[in-house]
Amino acid sequence: QDLTQQVSKRYLNPAFNTGGVQPGALHVIVIGANDIMLASVGMEQILSQWSGLEKMGVTIAQSTEGQIDALAKAGVKHVLWGNVFDVAQAPSVVQRAKALPSLAPTYLAAVTKAVRAHNTEMDAAVVRLEMAHPGLKIIKLDLFARFNEVAADPAKFGFTDVTTGANDSKHLFSADGLHPTPQGHKMLADFAFAVLSAGVPTQTSTQAAPVSVP
């Protein structure tokens, strides 16, 4: 289900979400990798040698922006928005590239370019959204940077392999070659927790302030 279905047609739809919107809750949005990957294997993109894939990355970010805007209009105040990691390095995408040996470098470069275009547009969208909704706070989860850190030193994060997929704790990617293993999800959850915790003010004293009674 795309994000519009999940947010506007379900979460913001009182007929579906009878519990109502939770304005004070943290709303987590991590989306876009599947969209870029699926767009990259479309016949139109292949025939044009992915000349329109960069624009597609921008469109995906703008679509997500629209759904966050809808959340903000419904009263949501806190959003954790994850950008897209370098999908061109995902095992399933690398495997697809091998099927087109003469075009593989062009294909992989186009995917990375689309990811970067998405992330750049996302950064601009965060500024636009927070300006449009002064009460909204968007926290960026830089999955692109974190993936690059893991790929550069997998052992530091408890992995032995980030280039192939397998359903065990030593691999970042599951057998489908695109989504994380349970251990990969744990690493991402720890990262998200650290990012969120960094934004929480430190309490300097546990002692209550004195109250003057006239």
Protein backbone atom coordinates (compact mmCIF):
# COMPACT_ATOMS: atom_id res chain seq x y z
CA GLN A 1 0.00 0.00 0.00
CA ASP A 2 1.35 3.42 -0.91
CA LEU A 3 1.60 6.21 1.64
CA THR A 4 -1.54 7.98 0.42
CA GLN A 5 -3.51 4.81 1.09
CA GLN A 6 -1.95 4.39 4.51
CA VAL A 7 -2.28 8.01 5.66
CA SER A 8 -5.13 9.83 3.91
CA LYS A 9 -7.39 6.88 3.18
CA ARG A 10 -6.83 5.01 6.41
CA TYR A 11 -5.21 6.85 9.30
CA LEU A 12 -6.94 10.19 8.60
CA ASN A 13 -10.21 8.52 7.65
CA PRO A 14 -12.47 8.37 10.74
CA ALA A 15 -14.53 5.63 9.13
CA PHE A 16 -11.42 3.44 9.03
CA ASN A 17 -9.43 4.75 12.01
CA THR A 18 -12.14 4.89 14.64
CA GLY A 19 -9.55 5.63 17.33
CA GLY A 20 -8.79 8.97 15.70
CA VAL A 21 -5.55 10.82 15.01
CA GLN A 22 -3.03 10.97 17.87
CA PRO A 23 -1.61 14.52 17.64
CA GLY A 24 0.95 14.05 20.41
CA ALA A 25 2.36 10.77 19.10
CA LEU A 26 5.57 10.44 17.13
CA HIS A 27 4.67 9.56 13.54
CA VAL A 28 7.41 7.61 11.75
CA ILE A 29 7.67 7.67 7.96
CA VAL A 30 10.30 5.62 6.15
CA ILE A 31 9.42 5.15 2.51
CA GLY A 32 10.82 5.57 -1.00
CA ALA A 33 13.34 2.76 -1.55
CA ASN A 34 10.77 0.41 -3.07
CA ASP A 35 9.37 3.22 -5.23
CA ILE A 36 12.76 4.07 -6.73
CA MET A 37 13.67 0.42 -7.24
CA LEU A 38 10.35 -0.40 -8.95
CA ALA A 39 10.53 2.71 -11.12
CA SER A 40 14.03 1.78 -12.21
CA VAL A 41 12.88 -1.53 -13.73
CA GLY A 42 9.98 0.00 -15.64
CA MET A 43 10.21 -0.47 -19.40
CA GLU A 44 9.91 3.27 -20.04
CA GLN A 45 12.92 3.95 -17.82
CA ILE A 46 14.96 1.15 -19.37
CA LEU A 47 14.25 2.28 -22.93
CA SER A 48 15.26 5.85 -22.06
CA GLN A 49 18.30 4.53 -20.17
CA TRP A 50 16.85 5.97 -16.97
CA SER A 51 16.84 9.58 -18.16
CA GLY A 52 13.70 10.28 -16.12
CA LEU A 53 14.61 8.42 -12.96
CA GLU A 54 16.10 11.46 -11.21
CA LYS A 55 12.83 13.34 -11.68
CA MET A 56 10.98 10.33 -10.29
CA GLY A 57 13.03 10.60 -7.11
CA VAL A 58 11.89 14.20 -6.69
CA THR A 59 8.26 13.24 -7.34
CA ILE A 60 8.38 10.52 -4.68
CA ALA A 61 9.67 12.98 -2.07
CA GLN A 62 6.98 15.50 -2.99
CA SER A 63 4.29 12.83 -2.66
CA THR A 64 5.51 12.03 0.86
CA GLU A 65 5.57 15.75 1.63
CA GLY A 66 1.89 15.91 0.69
CA GLN A 67 0.98 13.20 3.17
CA ILE A 68 2.99 14.82 5.98
CA ASP A 69 1.19 18.06 5.16
CA ALA A 70 -2.11 16.21 5.59
CA LEU A 71 -0.93 14.85 8.94
CA ALA A 72 0.06 18.34 10.09
CA LYS A 73 -3.32 19.75 9.08
CA ALA A 74 -4.89 17.02 11.22
CA GLY A 75 -2.90 18.22 14.23
CA VAL A 76 0.16 15.97 14.18
CA LYS A 77 3.15 17.72 15.80
CA HIS A 78 6.06 15.26 15.61
CA VAL A 79 7.31 13.32 12.56
CA LEU A 80 10.43 11.20 12.19
CA TRP A 81 11.17 11.12 8.44
CA GLY A 82 13.78 8.74 7.10
CA ASN A 83 15.48 9.46 3.80
CA VAL A 84 16.44 6.77 1.27
CA PHE A 85 19.67 4.80 1.48
CA ASP A 86 21.76 4.18 -1.64
CA VAL A 87 19.46 1.60 -3.24
CA ALA A 88 22.05 1.04 -6.00
CA GLN A 89 24.10 -0.91 -3.44
CA ALA A 90 21.25 -3.19 -2.40
CA PRO A 91 21.99 -6.83 -3.41
CA SER A 92 18.76 -7.20 -5.39
CA VAL A 93 19.47 -4.08 -7.44
CA VAL A 94 23.08 -5.11 -8.07
CA GLN A 95 21.78 -8.51 -9.24
CA ARG A 96 19.39 -6.83 -11.66
CA ALA A 97 22.25 -4.76 -13.04
CA LYS A 98 24.15 -7.94 -13.90
CA ALA A 99 21.35 -8.88 -16.29
CA LEU A 100 22.25 -5.80 -18.35
CA PRO A 101 26.06 -5.98 -18.38
CA SER A 102 26.63 -3.25 -20.96
CA LEU A 103 24.22 -0.88 -19.21
CA ALA A 104 24.97 -1.83 -15.60
CA PRO A 105 27.15 1.19 -14.76
CA THR A 106 24.59 3.56 -16.30
CA TYR A 107 21.76 1.85 -14.43
CA LEU A 108 23.41 1.89 -11.03
CA ALA A 109 24.58 5.48 -11.43
CA ALA A 110 21.02 6.52 -12.36
CA VAL A 111 19.59 4.81 -9.27
CA THR A 112 22.06 6.57 -6.98
CA LYS A 113 21.32 9.87 -8.70
CA ALA A 114 17.58 9.35 -8.16
CA VAL A 115 18.17 8.58 -4.49
CA ARG A 116 20.22 11.74 -4.05
CA ALA A 117 17.54 13.78 -5.87
CA HIS A 118 14.90 12.34 -3.54
CA ASN A 119 16.93 13.17 -0.44
CA THR A 120 17.73 16.70 -1.60
CA GLU A 121 14.06 17.35 -2.31
CA MET A 122 13.16 15.84 1.06
CA ASP A 123 15.45 18.30 2.85
CA ALA A 124 13.75 21.16 1.02
CA ALA A 125 10.34 19.69 1.88
CA VAL A 126 11.19 19.66 5.58
CA VAL A 127 11.85 23.40 5.44
CA ARG A 128 8.61 24.05 3.52
CA LEU A 129 6.52 21.93 5.89
CA GLU A 130 7.88 23.49 9.06
CA MET A 131 7.34 26.98 7.64
CA ALA A 132 3.76 26.11 6.68
CA HIS A 133 3.05 24.50 10.04
CA PRO A 134 4.88 26.35 12.87
CA GLY A 135 3.80 23.72 15.42
CA LEU A 136 5.25 20.85 13.40
CA LYS A 137 8.66 19.36 14.22
CA ILE A 138 10.22 17.03 11.64
CA ILE A 139 13.23 15.00 12.74
CA LYS A 140 15.37 13.69 9.91
CA LEU A 141 16.64 10.13 10.08
CA ASP A 142 19.63 10.07 7.74
CA LEU A 143 19.48 6.48 6.52
CA PHE A 144 21.67 7.35 3.53
CA ALA A 145 24.56 8.35 5.78
CA ARG A 146 24.03 5.46 8.19
CA PHE A 147 24.04 2.89 5.38
CA ASN A 148 27.32 4.29 4.08
CA GLU A 149 28.79 3.94 7.57
CA VAL A 150 27.65 0.33 7.82
CA ALA A 151 28.93 -0.50 4.32
CA ALA A 152 32.34 1.01 5.17
CA ASP A 153 32.72 -0.98 8.41
CA PRO A 154 30.11 -3.76 8.77
CA ALA A 155 31.82 -5.36 11.78
CA LYS A 156 31.38 -2.17 13.80
CA PHE A 157 27.63 -2.72 13.56
CA GLY A 158 27.72 -6.48 14.09
CA PHE A 159 27.48 -7.59 10.45
CA THR A 160 29.79 -9.67 8.30
CA ASP A 161 28.06 -9.03 4.96
CA VAL A 162 26.17 -6.09 3.43
CA THR A 163 26.59 -7.13 -0.21
CA THR A 164 24.41 -10.26 -0.28
CA GLY A 165 21.09 -11.18 1.26
CA ALA A 166 20.40 -13.93 3.80
CA ASN A 167 18.01 -14.44 6.70
CA ASP A 168 20.50 -14.46 9.54
CA SER A 169 21.90 -12.00 12.05
CA LYS A 170 25.19 -11.55 10.21
CA HIS A 171 23.60 -9.97 7.13
CA LEU A 172 22.19 -6.47 6.86
CA PHE A 173 19.88 -7.42 3.99
CA SER A 174 17.36 -10.24 4.12
CA ALA A 175 17.06 -12.90 1.43
CA ASP A 176 15.08 -10.55 -0.83
CA GLY A 177 18.17 -8.36 -1.09
CA LEU A 178 16.37 -5.10 -0.32
CA HIS A 179 14.79 -5.18 3.14
CA PRO A 180 16.76 -5.51 6.39
CA THR A 181 17.04 -8.67 8.45
CA PRO A 182 15.69 -8.57 12.03
CA GLN A 183 19.21 -7.65 13.14
CA GLY A 184 19.24 -4.94 10.49
CA HIS A 185 15.98 -3.57 11.84
CA LYS A 186 17.42 -3.58 15.35
CA MET A 187 20.40 -1.57 14.16
CA LEU A 188 18.04 0.95 12.53
CA ALA A 189 15.87 1.11 15.66
CA ASP A 190 18.95 1.82 17.79
CA PHE A 191 19.97 4.54 15.34
CA ALA A 192 16.50 6.12 15.45
CA PHE A 193 16.49 6.00 19.24
CA ALA A 194 19.88 7.73 19.35
CA VAL A 195 18.72 10.46 16.96
CA LEU A 196 15.55 11.04 18.96
CA SER A 197 17.41 11.01 22.28
CA ALA A 198 19.87 13.60 21.02
CA GLY A 199 16.97 16.03 20.64
CA VAL A 200 15.70 15.60 24.20
CA PRO A 201 16.88 18.35 26.60
CA THR A 202 18.90 17.07 29.54
CA GLN A 203 17.23 17.60 32.90
CA THR A 204 19.78 19.34 35.10
CA SER A 205 18.00 18.83 38.41
CA THR A 206 15.43 16.48 39.85
CA GLN A 207 14.56 18.90 42.63
CA ALA A 208 11.25 20.69 42.29
CA ALA A 209 11.32 24.47 42.13
CA PRO A 210 10.27 26.12 45.38
CA VAL A 211 6.76 27.49 45.53
CA SER A 212 6.07 30.73 47.39
CA VAL A 213 2.79 30.86 49.27
CA PRO A 214 1.61 34.39 50.07
